[in-house]
């Protein structure tokens, strides 16, 4: 069965993820230092919509230190950029009227990204974990979107930069392509599915 719908991961698939550079940079830390000092579950809770932005700020660091949340958000937003070749590819797919949706683990700040890069012109922000309350690689993260779209999982092509997320999609019958910033390889996959 050929895919008719594309479900896109957002960070490091369509756009650059500010977590690895911009986030530690804001605090004057290395990534390793940030990983040691941040709360172990706060960001995941934020991605699941279990805590508010204010609650995230209050527990972001293990030691409870405070920081300028507004400045932090602004700095994070400045790090969102389309990955090379992806805006052009998504625009081409949109012109071909291929239905596309986000399937992303991300907090409400995804709106900072979609607004900055005008992503929703091409891709509907339909399945973001802060709204769906489920994160990849949980099977429900894939079955829920297929059910909501009224199609079998086989009809959706999932594109993500992480193999564990792709493997989980395949396990429920959804074809998946691991994107490693190789746009020509992704284009070939899309051609095989009849999407280009």
Foldseek 3Di string as FASTA:
>chain_A
DFAQEEAEEPDPTFKDQCLQPQQCVVVVHHNVVLCVFFDPCLQLCQLQLNDDLVVCQQRGTVVRDHDDSVVSLVSRLVRIDTQPPNVVVLVVLVVVVRAAEYLYRHHPSVVSNCVVVVVCVRYHPDHGNSVVSDHPPPLCSQVVVCVVVVHQLCNYEYEEQDVRSQVSSVVRPHHYDHDDSPVVVVVVVCVVSVSD
